[in-house]
Protein backbone atom coordinates (compact mmCIF):
# COMPACT_ATOMS: atom_id res chain seq x y z
CA MET A 1 138.98 73.28 184.54
CA THR A 2 135.42 74.59 184.79
CA ASP A 3 133.78 76.63 182.08
CA ASP A 4 133.84 79.68 184.34
CA THR A 5 137.58 79.32 184.99
CA ARG A 6 138.24 78.73 181.30
CA GLY A 7 136.27 81.85 180.45
CA ARG A 8 138.28 83.98 182.90
CA TRP A 9 141.56 82.71 181.43
CA HIS A 10 140.31 83.48 177.94
CA ARG A 11 139.27 87.03 178.88
CA TRP A 12 142.58 87.62 180.66
CA LEU A 13 144.63 86.46 177.66
CA SER A 14 142.46 88.41 175.23
CA GLU A 15 142.70 91.61 177.25
CA GLY A 16 146.45 91.17 177.68
CA ASP A 17 146.84 90.56 173.96
CA ARG A 18 144.98 93.73 173.11
CA ALA A 19 146.85 95.74 175.73
CA VAL A 20 150.26 94.73 174.33
CA PHE A 21 149.05 95.38 170.79
CA ALA A 22 147.87 98.87 171.82
CA ARG A 23 151.22 99.68 173.46
CA VAL A 24 153.12 98.63 170.33
CA ALA A 25 150.75 100.68 168.17
CA ALA A 26 151.30 103.74 170.33
CA HIS A 27 155.08 103.39 170.32
CA HIS A 28 156.90 105.56 167.80
CA TRP A 29 160.18 104.19 166.46
CA PRO A 30 161.41 106.21 163.45
CA ALA A 31 163.81 103.51 162.22
CA GLY A 32 161.10 100.88 162.58
CA ASP A 33 158.57 102.96 160.69
CA ARG A 34 160.84 102.90 157.65
CA PHE A 35 162.34 99.41 157.95
CA LEU A 36 159.76 97.02 159.39
CA PRO A 37 156.97 97.50 156.81
CA ARG A 38 159.49 96.78 154.05
CA LEU A 39 160.82 93.77 155.92
CA THR A 40 157.36 92.28 156.48
CA HIS A 41 156.52 92.84 152.80
CA SER A 42 159.74 91.09 151.70
CA ALA A 43 158.68 88.01 153.70
CA ASN A 44 155.37 87.64 151.83
CA HIS A 45 155.05 84.14 150.36
CA GLY A 46 158.47 83.27 151.84
CA ARG A 47 160.36 85.41 149.30
CA LEU A 48 162.88 86.64 151.87
CA TRP A 49 163.71 83.13 153.04
CA PHE A 50 163.94 81.67 149.56
CA GLY A 51 166.40 84.44 148.71
CA VAL A 52 168.47 83.66 151.79
CA ALA A 53 168.36 79.96 150.91
CA ALA A 54 169.64 80.71 147.40
CA GLY A 55 172.52 82.69 148.91
CA LEU A 56 173.40 79.88 151.32
CA TRP A 57 173.26 77.34 148.51
CA ALA A 58 175.54 79.43 146.28
CA PHE A 59 178.07 80.75 148.79
CA GLY A 60 177.73 78.73 152.00
CA GLY A 61 179.64 75.62 150.98
CA ALA A 62 178.43 72.14 151.89
CA ARG A 63 177.10 73.25 155.29
CA GLY A 64 175.29 76.16 153.71
CA ARG A 65 173.63 73.93 151.13
CA ARG A 66 172.47 71.47 153.78
CA ALA A 67 171.24 74.30 155.99
CA ALA A 68 169.35 75.93 153.10
CA THR A 69 167.67 72.66 152.18
CA ARG A 70 166.63 71.97 155.77
CA GLY A 71 165.40 75.54 156.22
CA VAL A 72 163.22 75.42 153.10
CA ALA A 73 161.82 71.99 154.04
CA SER A 74 160.96 73.27 157.53
CA LEU A 75 159.32 76.38 156.07
CA ALA A 76 157.25 74.26 153.68
CA LEU A 77 155.97 72.05 156.50
CA ALA A 78 155.17 75.04 158.73
CA SER A 79 153.35 76.88 155.95
CA ALA A 80 151.29 73.83 155.06
CA THR A 81 150.35 73.28 158.71
CA VAL A 82 149.36 76.92 159.28
CA ASN A 83 147.23 77.15 156.15
CA THR A 84 145.51 73.76 156.41
CA LEU A 85 145.06 73.37 160.16
CA GLY A 86 145.90 76.48 162.12
CA LYS A 87 143.86 79.17 160.40
CA ARG A 88 140.90 76.86 159.80
CA SER A 89 140.78 75.68 163.42
CA VAL A 90 140.92 79.10 165.11
CA ARG A 91 139.03 81.70 163.08
CA ARG A 92 140.24 84.81 164.84
CA ASP A 93 139.58 88.25 163.34
CA ARG A 94 142.48 90.53 162.52
CA PRO A 95 143.24 93.42 164.91
CA ILE A 96 141.50 96.74 164.42
CA ILE A 97 144.32 98.93 163.14
CA ASP A 98 142.85 102.38 163.72
CA ALA A 99 145.55 103.10 166.31
CA VAL A 100 148.39 102.06 163.96
CA PRO A 101 149.87 104.99 161.98
CA HIS A 102 149.21 104.85 158.25
CA LEU A 103 152.96 104.93 157.54
CA ARG A 104 153.36 101.49 159.12
CA ARG A 105 150.38 99.71 157.64
CA ALA A 106 150.75 97.10 154.93
CA LYS A 107 149.79 98.24 151.45
CA ARG A 108 147.36 95.36 151.23
CA GLN A 109 145.71 94.12 154.38
CA PRO A 110 145.58 90.30 154.74
CA THR A 111 142.18 88.70 154.21
CA THR A 112 142.86 85.42 156.04
CA THR A 113 142.20 84.81 159.72
CA SER A 114 144.69 86.08 162.24
CA PHE A 115 145.69 83.02 164.29
CA PRO A 116 148.42 81.86 163.97
CA SER A 117 150.84 84.16 162.15
CA GLY A 118 152.05 82.49 158.95
CA HIS A 119 154.94 84.94 158.56
CA SER A 120 156.15 84.16 162.08
CA ALA A 121 155.81 80.43 161.51
CA SER A 122 157.83 80.62 158.27
CA ALA A 123 160.49 82.83 159.85
CA ALA A 124 160.96 80.57 162.88
CA ALA A 125 160.83 77.39 160.80
CA PHE A 126 163.50 78.60 158.39
CA ALA A 127 165.82 80.06 161.04
CA VAL A 128 165.54 77.06 163.38
CA GLY A 129 165.90 74.63 160.48
CA VAL A 130 169.09 76.36 159.38
CA ALA A 131 170.40 76.45 162.95
CA LEU A 132 169.84 72.71 163.41
CA GLU A 133 172.24 72.10 160.52
CA SER A 134 174.60 75.08 160.98
CA ARG A 135 174.59 76.95 164.27
CA PRO A 136 176.63 79.94 162.99
CA TRP A 137 174.24 80.57 160.08
CA GLY A 138 171.26 80.07 162.38
CA THR A 139 172.66 82.61 164.85
CA LEU A 140 172.98 85.18 162.08
CA LEU A 141 169.41 84.57 160.93
CA ALA A 142 167.80 84.61 164.39
CA PRO A 143 167.58 88.45 164.66
CA VAL A 144 166.12 88.67 161.15
CA ALA A 145 163.48 86.06 161.96
CA ALA A 146 162.65 87.84 165.23
CA ALA A 147 162.33 91.16 163.38
CA VAL A 148 159.94 89.62 160.85
CA ALA A 149 157.81 88.21 163.67
CA PHE A 150 157.76 91.56 165.53
CA SER A 151 156.93 93.41 162.29
CA ARG A 152 153.62 91.59 162.12
CA VAL A 153 152.51 93.26 165.36
CA TYR A 154 154.19 96.58 164.55
CA THR A 155 152.40 96.88 161.21
CA GLY A 156 149.08 96.01 162.82
CA VAL A 157 148.20 92.71 161.11
CA HIS A 158 148.57 90.32 164.10
CA TYR A 159 148.09 90.17 167.83
CA PRO A 160 151.18 89.19 169.89
CA SER A 161 149.73 85.75 170.69
CA ASP A 162 149.32 85.09 166.95
CA VAL A 163 153.03 85.71 166.53
CA VAL A 164 154.05 83.60 169.52
CA ALA A 165 151.90 80.69 168.40
CA GLY A 166 153.17 80.95 164.82
CA ALA A 167 156.79 81.01 165.94
CA ALA A 168 156.24 77.99 168.18
CA LEU A 169 154.57 76.12 165.34
CA GLY A 170 157.44 77.00 162.98
CA ALA A 171 160.09 75.82 165.43
CA GLY A 172 158.12 72.61 165.92
CA ALA A 173 158.03 72.07 162.16
CA ALA A 174 161.83 72.39 162.02
CA TYR A 175 162.24 69.77 164.74
CA ALA A 176 159.71 67.53 163.01
CA VAL A 177 161.78 67.67 159.82
CA ARG A 178 164.88 66.80 161.83
CA GLY A 179 163.02 63.81 163.26
CA LEU A 180 162.39 62.58 159.72
CA VAL A 181 165.82 63.50 158.33
CA PRO A 182 168.52 63.68 161.03
CA SER A 183 170.95 66.58 160.87
CA ARG A 184 174.65 65.98 160.34
CA HIS A 185 175.29 66.52 164.07
CA GLN A 186 172.96 63.65 164.95
CA LEU A 187 174.62 61.16 162.64
CA PRO A 188 177.30 58.83 163.96
CA PRO A 189 180.81 59.92 162.96
CA PRO A 190 182.01 57.96 159.91
CA ALA A 191 185.17 55.88 159.83
CA ARG A 192 185.28 54.62 163.40
CA PRO A 193 188.91 53.41 163.81
CA ARG A 194 191.36 56.14 164.71
CA GLY A 195 194.57 56.19 162.70
CA ASP A 196 198.10 57.23 163.48
CA ALA A 197 199.06 60.36 161.57
CA PRO A 198 201.68 62.99 162.30
CA ALA A 199 200.66 66.38 163.62
CA LEU A 200 201.82 68.97 161.10
CA PRO A 201 201.67 72.46 162.68
CA ALA A 202 200.88 75.10 160.05
CA GLY A 203 200.99 72.25 157.49
CA GLU A 204 204.74 71.70 157.66
CA GLY A 205 205.44 68.39 155.90
CA LEU A 206 202.13 68.40 154.01
CA PHE A 207 202.51 68.20 150.22
CA VAL A 208 199.29 69.24 148.50
CA VAL A 209 198.44 68.63 144.84
CA VAL A 210 195.68 70.86 143.43
CA ASN A 211 193.85 69.65 140.33
CA PRO A 212 192.24 72.70 138.66
CA LEU A 213 190.48 70.45 136.12
CA SER A 214 188.21 68.75 138.68
CA GLY A 215 185.19 70.83 137.74
CA ALA A 216 185.36 73.00 140.84
CA MET A 217 182.25 75.01 141.59
CA PRO A 218 182.63 78.56 140.28
CA HIS A 219 181.49 80.11 143.56
CA ARG A 220 184.25 78.51 145.58
CA ALA A 221 187.21 80.62 146.61
CA ASP A 222 190.64 79.91 145.15
CA PRO A 223 191.76 76.74 147.01
CA VAL A 224 195.45 77.67 146.76
CA ARG A 225 194.81 81.00 148.48
CA GLN A 226 192.74 79.26 151.16
CA LEU A 227 195.44 76.66 151.76
CA ARG A 228 198.21 79.23 152.03
CA ALA A 229 196.19 81.17 154.57
CA ALA A 230 195.21 78.15 156.68
CA LEU A 231 198.39 76.04 156.31
CA PRO A 232 201.17 78.48 155.41
CA LYS A 233 204.01 75.93 155.66
CA ALA A 234 202.41 73.35 153.35
CA GLU A 235 204.03 72.70 149.97
CA ILE A 236 201.39 73.34 147.29
CA VAL A 237 201.63 72.17 143.67
CA ARG A 238 199.04 73.12 141.07
CA HIS A 239 198.81 70.35 138.48
CA ASP A 240 199.45 71.42 134.90
CA PRO A 241 198.38 68.64 132.49
CA ASP A 242 200.60 70.07 129.73
CA ARG A 243 203.70 69.47 131.85
CA ALA A 244 203.10 66.12 133.57
CA PRO A 245 200.32 63.57 134.16
CA LEU A 246 198.41 63.89 137.43
CA THR A 247 199.69 60.51 138.64
CA THR A 248 203.29 61.64 138.20
CA VAL A 249 202.68 64.82 140.20
CA LEU A 250 200.95 62.83 142.96
CA GLU A 251 203.77 60.29 143.12
CA THR A 252 206.40 63.02 143.43
CA ALA A 253 204.44 64.70 146.24
CA ALA A 254 203.88 61.37 148.05
CA ARG A 255 207.57 60.48 147.78
CA ASP A 256 208.57 63.84 149.26
CA ALA A 257 206.01 63.42 152.03
CA ALA A 258 207.33 59.94 152.88
CA GLU A 259 210.92 61.24 153.06
CA ARG A 260 209.86 64.09 155.37
CA GLY A 261 207.59 61.97 157.55
CA GLY A 262 204.64 64.06 156.43
CA ALA A 263 201.46 63.53 154.45
CA LEU A 264 199.96 63.83 150.98
CA GLY A 265 197.20 66.36 150.41
CA VAL A 266 194.84 66.66 147.46
CA VAL A 267 192.33 69.21 146.21
CA GLY A 268 189.93 67.84 143.62
CA GLY A 269 186.87 65.76 142.89
CA ASP A 270 186.33 62.08 143.58
CA GLY A 271 188.45 60.87 140.66
CA THR A 272 191.40 62.99 141.77
CA VAL A 273 191.01 61.90 145.38
CA SER A 274 190.85 58.25 144.28
CA ALA A 275 194.10 58.64 142.33
CA ALA A 276 195.71 60.28 145.38
CA ALA A 277 194.51 57.43 147.61
CA THR A 278 196.19 54.88 145.33
CA VAL A 279 199.47 56.78 145.55
CA ALA A 280 199.14 57.26 149.33
CA LEU A 281 198.72 53.49 149.72
CA GLN A 282 201.77 52.89 147.55
CA TYR A 283 204.01 55.17 149.61
CA GLY A 284 202.43 54.50 153.00
CA VAL A 285 201.57 58.12 153.83
CA PRO A 286 198.39 59.61 155.33
CA LEU A 287 196.03 61.50 153.03
CA ALA A 288 194.46 64.94 153.60
CA VAL A 289 191.41 65.55 151.40
CA LEU A 290 190.05 68.98 150.55
CA PRO A 291 186.89 68.88 148.41
CA GLY A 292 187.33 70.82 145.21
CA GLY A 293 185.30 69.12 142.47
CA THR A 294 181.77 69.08 141.16
CA PHE A 295 181.05 65.99 143.26
CA ASN A 296 182.83 65.31 146.56
CA HIS A 297 181.17 62.15 147.84
CA PHE A 298 184.15 60.74 149.74
CA ALA A 299 184.95 64.02 151.49
CA SER A 300 181.28 64.47 152.42
CA ASP A 301 180.95 60.96 153.84
CA LEU A 302 184.24 61.41 155.68
CA GLY A 303 182.87 64.57 157.30
CA VAL A 304 185.48 66.91 155.79
CA GLU A 305 183.70 69.82 154.18
CA ASP A 306 186.15 72.71 153.99
CA ILE A 307 189.72 73.86 154.59
CA GLN A 308 189.03 74.54 158.28
CA ASP A 309 188.23 70.86 158.87
CA VAL A 310 191.49 69.90 157.16
CA ARG A 311 193.50 72.51 159.07
CA ALA A 312 192.15 71.37 162.43
CA ALA A 313 192.85 67.69 161.72
CA VAL A 314 196.31 68.18 160.18
CA THR A 315 197.63 70.49 162.89
CA ARG A 316 196.41 68.16 165.69
CA GLY A 317 197.28 64.89 163.94
CA GLU A 318 193.70 63.58 164.03
CA ALA A 319 192.94 60.84 161.53
CA VAL A 320 190.89 57.73 160.91
CA ARG A 321 191.43 54.53 158.96
CA VAL A 322 189.10 53.76 156.05
CA ASP A 323 188.50 50.80 153.76
CA VAL A 324 189.51 50.99 150.12
CA GLY A 325 187.65 49.11 147.39
CA ARG A 326 189.94 46.94 145.27
CA LEU A 327 189.44 45.43 141.81
CA THR A 328 191.97 42.72 140.87
CA PRO A 329 192.00 41.19 137.35
CA SER A 330 191.85 37.40 137.59
CA GLU A 331 192.47 36.17 134.02
CA GLY A 332 193.59 37.31 130.62
CA PRO A 333 196.12 40.07 129.86
CA GLY A 334 194.60 42.28 132.52
CA ALA A 335 195.61 39.80 135.23
CA LEU A 336 199.15 41.14 135.06
CA ARG A 337 198.10 44.66 136.02
CA GLU A 338 198.13 46.16 139.48
CA PRO A 339 194.80 46.33 141.34
CA THR A 340 192.51 49.27 140.68
CA TYR A 341 191.40 51.02 143.87
CA PHE A 342 188.23 53.00 144.48
CA LEU A 343 186.96 54.95 147.47
CA ASN A 344 183.28 55.28 146.57
CA THR A 345 181.67 53.14 143.90
CA PHE A 346 182.29 50.75 141.03
CA SER A 347 179.77 49.93 138.29
CA LEU A 348 179.16 48.09 135.05
CA GLY A 349 176.34 48.54 132.57
CA SER A 350 174.52 51.76 131.80
CA TYR A 351 176.20 53.94 134.42
CA PRO A 352 179.70 54.01 132.81
CA GLU A 353 178.09 55.26 129.61
CA LEU A 354 176.24 57.94 131.59
CA VAL A 355 179.50 59.07 133.20
CA ARG A 356 181.18 59.24 129.79
CA LEU A 357 178.36 61.28 128.27
CA ARG A 358 178.18 63.62 131.25
CA GLY A 359 181.91 64.28 131.01
CA HIS A 360 181.61 64.93 127.28
CA TRP A 361 178.67 67.34 127.47
CA SER A 362 179.10 69.10 130.81
CA PRO A 363 181.78 71.58 129.59
CA ARG A 364 179.27 72.79 126.98
CA ILE A 365 175.92 72.78 128.79
CA GLY A 366 176.76 72.36 132.49
CA GLY A 367 176.68 69.35 134.81
CA PRO A 368 172.94 69.06 135.64
CA ALA A 369 171.81 69.47 132.04
CA ALA A 370 174.49 67.03 130.87
CA THR A 371 173.32 64.48 133.43
CA LEU A 372 169.68 64.73 132.29
CA LEU A 373 170.67 64.49 128.65
CA GLY A 374 172.91 61.52 129.42
CA VAL A 375 170.13 59.71 131.30
CA ALA A 376 167.75 60.20 128.37
CA HIS A 377 170.33 58.91 125.91
CA VAL A 378 171.23 55.88 128.06
CA LEU A 379 167.59 54.91 128.58
CA ARG A 380 167.00 55.03 124.84
CA THR A 381 170.14 53.30 123.58
CA SER A 382 171.72 51.13 126.29
CA ARG A 383 171.68 47.33 126.24
CA PRO A 384 172.10 44.86 129.12
CA VAL A 385 175.56 43.55 129.93
CA LYS A 386 175.98 39.78 130.14
CA ALA A 387 178.46 38.35 132.65
CA VAL A 388 178.91 35.64 135.27
CA VAL A 389 178.55 37.05 138.78
CA ASN A 390 179.67 34.80 141.65
CA GLY A 391 179.26 31.81 139.33
CA VAL A 392 175.75 32.70 138.09
CA PRO A 393 175.15 33.96 134.51
CA ARG A 394 173.43 37.35 134.57
CA SER A 395 171.96 39.83 132.13
CA MET A 396 172.20 43.24 133.82
CA TRP A 397 171.34 46.83 133.16
CA LEU A 398 173.54 47.78 136.08
CA LEU A 399 175.98 46.18 138.50
CA PHE A 400 176.88 48.51 141.36
CA ALA A 401 179.41 47.88 144.12
CA GLY A 402 179.86 50.48 146.86
CA ASN A 403 182.85 50.72 149.15
CA GLY A 404 180.77 50.36 152.30
CA ALA A 405 177.05 50.16 153.01
CA TYR A 406 175.09 53.13 151.68
CA ARG A 407 171.93 54.68 153.03
CA SER A 408 169.62 54.98 150.02
CA VAL A 409 166.66 56.87 148.66
CA GLY A 410 165.01 54.53 146.17
CA LEU A 411 167.65 53.36 143.71
CA ALA A 412 170.13 56.09 144.57
CA PRO A 413 172.91 55.49 147.12
CA VAL A 414 173.08 58.62 149.27
CA ARG A 415 175.52 58.40 152.16
CA ARG A 416 177.67 56.01 154.17
CA TYR A 417 177.72 56.07 157.94
CA ASP A 418 180.78 53.84 158.31
CA LEU A 419 183.78 53.93 155.98
CA ALA A 420 185.44 50.94 157.65
CA ASP A 421 182.69 48.31 157.79
CA GLY A 422 184.49 45.70 155.65
CA LEU A 423 181.46 45.31 153.36
CA LEU A 424 180.61 45.87 149.72
CA ASP A 425 177.19 47.33 148.90
CA VAL A 426 176.26 45.30 145.81
CA ARG A 427 173.14 46.09 143.75
CA VAL A 428 172.05 44.50 140.50
CA ALA A 429 169.37 45.71 138.09
CA HIS A 430 168.55 42.64 136.01
CA GLY A 431 167.78 42.68 132.31
CA GLY A 432 164.64 41.21 130.81
CA ARG A 433 161.29 42.22 129.36
CA PHE A 434 160.30 45.76 130.45
CA ALA A 435 162.97 45.50 133.16
CA ARG A 436 163.77 49.23 133.24
CA THR A 437 160.11 50.22 133.41
CA ARG A 438 159.43 47.72 136.18
CA LEU A 439 162.51 48.88 138.08
CA VAL A 440 161.51 52.55 137.99
CA ALA A 441 157.92 51.68 138.98
CA ALA A 442 159.15 49.62 141.94
CA ALA A 443 161.41 52.46 143.08
CA LEU A 444 158.61 55.03 142.87
CA THR A 445 156.12 52.84 144.75
CA GLY A 446 158.54 51.78 147.48
CA ALA A 447 158.46 48.13 146.39
CA LEU A 448 162.08 47.96 145.27
CA ALA A 449 163.11 45.33 147.80
CA ARG A 450 160.41 42.97 146.49
CA SER A 451 161.01 43.57 142.78
CA PRO A 452 162.27 40.52 140.82
CA VAL A 453 164.36 42.80 138.59
CA TYR A 454 166.42 44.14 141.50
CA ALA A 455 168.76 42.40 143.95
CA ALA A 456 170.96 43.73 146.74
CA ALA A 457 173.51 42.16 149.08
CA ARG A 458 176.42 43.18 151.29
CA PRO A 459 179.19 40.64 150.75
CA ARG A 460 182.92 41.02 151.37
CA ARG A 461 183.91 39.71 147.94
CA LEU A 462 182.46 39.69 144.41
CA ARG A 463 183.64 37.67 141.40
CA VAL A 464 182.81 38.74 137.84
CA SER A 465 183.84 36.91 134.67
CA GLY A 466 182.82 36.44 131.05
CA LEU A 467 182.59 40.14 130.23
CA PRO A 468 182.44 40.85 126.49
CA THR A 469 185.37 42.64 124.87
CA GLY A 470 184.84 46.41 124.86
CA THR A 471 182.88 46.55 128.12
CA HIS A 472 183.64 49.63 130.18
CA MET A 473 183.58 50.11 133.94
CA ALA A 474 183.21 53.24 136.04
CA TYR A 475 184.88 53.85 139.39
CA ASP A 476 184.81 57.10 141.37
CA GLY A 477 183.63 59.03 138.32
CA GLU A 478 186.32 57.66 136.00
CA VAL A 479 185.62 55.38 133.01
CA ALA A 480 188.04 52.71 131.79
CA PRO A 481 187.97 49.39 129.85
CA ALA A 482 186.98 46.52 132.13
CA PRO A 483 189.10 43.34 132.31
CA PRO A 484 187.28 40.20 131.16
CA ALA A 485 187.31 38.75 134.68
CA PHE A 486 188.10 40.25 138.07
CA VAL A 487 187.52 40.08 141.80
CA ILE A 488 186.26 42.99 143.87
CA ASP A 489 187.06 43.03 147.58
CA LYS A 490 188.31 45.54 150.12
CA ALA A 491 191.64 46.51 151.60
CA GLU A 492 190.21 46.92 155.08
CA GLU A 493 191.30 49.96 157.12
CA ALA A 494 194.19 50.35 154.67
CA LEU A 495 194.16 54.13 154.20
CA THR A 496 194.73 56.71 156.90
CA VAL A 497 192.87 59.98 156.26
CA TYR A 498 192.93 63.21 158.25
CA ARG A 499 189.64 64.33 159.74
CA PRO A 500 188.68 66.02 163.03
CA VAL A 501 187.86 63.29 165.53
CA PRO A 502 185.05 64.12 168.00
CA ASP A 503 185.82 63.60 171.68
């Protein structure tokens, strides 16, 4: 393109920009005169979108929390790009607002350059980011984001091309974030093998045990009311610890389900779900899981996030088979006991003490504060555990075994993509001089895989022996005395669990 041609295109776009701006300035819209200036002011510094994100996090369930996080991350990237690259690269003056009525004008005129529109970039980034994780929430936000973008022209602070460029940049930021962190829709469905489970229209034949002591989030609706609305023929039992132990209630429900050819359902956190899985294995019935605790790792990895997922799977008879972690005592008095099953994780060392402290303090100060206080206490007072692991003596701050391979961020296991892979995710933090400090430094610098104080493997079987008396273990959020010697392996594809199966 020659310089002359480029100049003509530039003049044509500039004249068109000004013409559209003038038409908007001349247009009188009484509702817009009152609403749009307030809307554009509410979006200053992203306040509007942070407020929406807080609402999604509090009341939107698991999908809402993921959507809010993705929306805020997209907004942050878009804002950084606009302020560091966009406005410094194209130093365009703001429009002359003489033709814009005083009623519409912003109380404080922006002092930065005009191109591109930061408000439009933030609005598009947040709305598109939310939509990439939750299409319904994104659809609801799209008109609001469009109104914010239009308000920038209507109030006289941007040309139309500023808004279009900002919106395009914001949408691009949302897709860039998705490229770095895939959305749930992009991830492969967990638990590949399909399982045979009866279709239970309206929940007939489903016996559901609700554990109200699972630390359910206060913003969640009453699960019993939700269940009765979604599955009106299901038998629902609310566990009362003063009348019977949880295991007894689960066994009664599983026995009734087996006699009716139905299924066992459970509402609770990971510990409750783990107990229900043990009973479901014992009676040979499928399990329907509805998240209802402070942490719901198994339900999240399974892809079951709310009652509608359960309703769809139960009524259509859609289910998958998943592995179950199994700990079997191998010597001493504990060898006579039945295996202990877990759906998520098992650990020795500092983590069981953290779980115990968190459970002790969380009713008084809340879960997050209890976790931080527990971490500080464990780091100050814990000692390495000595044991023989697969025939090798070890001194360990932590022995972790996951039921399936986890995707990780640093030391923390985050999510499993396959709940039937036949593998254990074993991680060991070794003891030794300054071991904890070296471990944290390696995690922060991305050198964890090369650290001599950390080891990871994915075997099918793990043998542990020589544990001192009084050692505790943690599994699925529960703490119990550990047997002196045991074997951890997996009951592969042993449990059938309802979940919607994609075509």
